[in-house]
Protein backbone atom coordinates (compact mmCIF):
# COMPACT_ATOMS: atom_id res chain seq x y z
CA MET A 1 128.96 -252.09 165.94
CA GLN A 2 125.28 -251.15 165.90
CA PRO A 3 123.59 -250.08 162.64
CA GLU A 4 122.60 -246.43 162.32
CA ARG A 5 119.00 -245.65 163.13
CA SER A 6 117.13 -242.96 161.27
CA LEU A 7 114.49 -240.71 162.78
CA PRO A 8 110.90 -241.41 161.75
CA THR A 9 109.35 -238.84 159.45
CA THR A 10 105.85 -237.48 159.70
CA GLY A 11 105.74 -235.62 156.41
CA ILE A 12 107.61 -234.42 153.39
CA CYS A 13 107.87 -230.82 152.24
CA LYS A 14 106.66 -231.01 148.63
CA LYS A 15 108.14 -227.64 147.68
CA HIS A 16 111.70 -228.60 148.58
CA ASN A 17 111.23 -232.38 148.72
CA THR A 18 112.91 -232.56 152.12
CA LYS A 19 111.89 -234.37 155.27
CA LYS A 20 111.05 -231.55 157.70
CA ALA A 21 109.70 -233.15 160.87
CA PRO A 22 112.95 -234.75 162.12
CA ALA A 23 114.94 -231.58 161.49
CA LYS A 24 112.47 -229.39 163.38
CA LEU A 25 112.21 -231.86 166.24
CA LEU A 26 115.98 -232.03 166.36
CA SER A 27 116.16 -228.22 166.39
CA ALA A 28 113.71 -228.03 169.28
CA LEU A 29 115.59 -230.68 171.24
CA LEU A 30 118.94 -229.01 170.50
CA LEU A 31 117.61 -225.72 171.82
CA CYS A 32 116.42 -227.54 174.94
CA ILE A 33 119.89 -229.02 175.44
CA LEU A 34 121.54 -225.64 174.89
CA LEU A 35 119.26 -224.01 177.45
CA GLN A 36 120.14 -226.71 179.98
CA ALA A 37 123.85 -226.33 179.22
CA CYS A 38 123.62 -222.62 179.98
CA GLU A 39 122.13 -223.26 183.40
CA SER A 40 124.91 -221.35 185.17
CA ASN A 41 123.97 -218.27 183.14
CA SER A 42 120.33 -219.24 182.81
CA GLY A 43 119.03 -215.86 183.97
CA ASP A 44 121.01 -214.01 181.30
CA ALA A 45 120.16 -216.57 178.61
CA ALA A 46 116.46 -216.56 179.49
CA LEU A 47 116.31 -212.75 179.39
CA ALA A 48 118.05 -212.66 176.02
CA ILE A 49 115.64 -215.23 174.59
CA GLU A 50 112.59 -213.45 176.03
CA LYS A 51 113.83 -210.10 174.66
CA HIS A 52 114.27 -211.60 171.20
CA LEU A 53 110.85 -213.27 171.24
CA ALA A 54 109.19 -210.03 172.38
CA LYS A 55 109.94 -208.63 168.91
CA GLY A 56 107.30 -210.99 167.50
CA PRO A 57 106.79 -214.59 166.49
CA ILE A 58 109.23 -216.52 164.37
CA GLY A 59 107.06 -217.89 161.57
CA ALA A 60 103.32 -217.71 161.06
CA SER A 61 102.09 -218.68 164.54
CA PRO A 62 102.96 -217.43 168.04
CA ASP A 63 105.98 -219.09 169.63
CA PHE A 64 105.70 -221.11 172.85
CA PHE A 65 107.85 -221.96 175.84
CA LEU A 66 107.90 -225.57 176.99
CA VAL A 67 107.73 -225.25 180.78
CA ARG A 68 108.55 -227.83 183.46
CA SER A 69 106.97 -227.57 186.89
CA GLY A 70 109.83 -228.01 189.31
CA PRO A 71 110.32 -227.86 193.07
CA ASP A 72 111.39 -224.21 192.76
CA GLY A 73 108.48 -223.29 190.51
CA PRO A 74 107.96 -223.31 186.74
CA GLU A 75 111.06 -223.30 184.55
CA SER A 76 111.17 -222.73 180.78
CA VAL A 77 113.21 -225.53 179.24
CA ALA A 78 112.69 -224.97 175.49
CA VAL A 79 111.28 -222.59 172.92
CA ILE A 80 109.05 -223.97 170.19
CA TYR A 81 109.00 -221.89 166.99
CA GLY A 82 108.82 -222.16 163.22
CA PHE A 83 105.97 -224.67 162.94
CA LYS A 84 102.61 -224.10 161.29
CA ASP A 85 101.03 -224.55 164.74
CA ASP A 86 103.65 -224.01 167.45
CA LYS A 87 101.11 -224.50 170.24
CA ALA A 88 100.05 -227.95 169.03
CA PHE A 89 103.67 -229.07 168.61
CA CYS A 90 104.62 -227.72 172.05
CA TYR A 91 101.87 -229.75 173.70
CA GLU A 92 102.93 -232.79 171.68
CA VAL A 93 106.47 -232.43 173.07
CA ALA A 94 105.08 -231.84 176.59
CA ASN A 95 103.09 -235.07 176.38
CA ILE A 96 106.13 -237.01 175.16
CA TYR A 97 108.18 -235.76 178.12
CA MET A 98 105.42 -236.54 180.64
CA LYS A 99 105.18 -240.09 179.32
CA ARG A 100 108.95 -240.48 179.56
CA TYR A 101 109.19 -238.78 182.99
CA PRO A 102 105.87 -239.51 184.73
CA SER A 103 106.86 -237.74 187.95
CA GLU A 104 107.32 -234.42 186.11
CA HIS A 105 104.69 -232.08 184.68
CA TYR A 106 105.21 -230.06 181.48
CA PHE A 107 103.00 -227.41 179.93
CA CYS A 108 103.24 -224.64 177.33
CA THR A 109 102.96 -220.86 177.59
CA GLN A 110 102.84 -218.38 174.75
CA ALA A 111 106.17 -216.59 174.33
CA ASN A 112 104.96 -213.60 172.31
CA TYR A 113 101.71 -211.89 171.47
């Protein structure tokens, strides 16, 4: 049996004394997985998400879509929200994915204005 591995932390929320970075990263990755799982209904799911995001940003900064360039054109694969700087975090995730999958290209687009 292998020992459990914990996620690395990048900061601690002093107000609540909780480790926020792993939870937010996990939330973003979970949303990505959920979007992929809904691929058969991806048009309906994407429209529902876009409609919700059109109401305004979640948190202090504009929300962003993580987009993968695919053979059939760009495809939104995740929504980044709730961070102090959603754009910076989105590009951080895009860079992680491009290092892991060098043949794919990821970029970010603003989800609401």
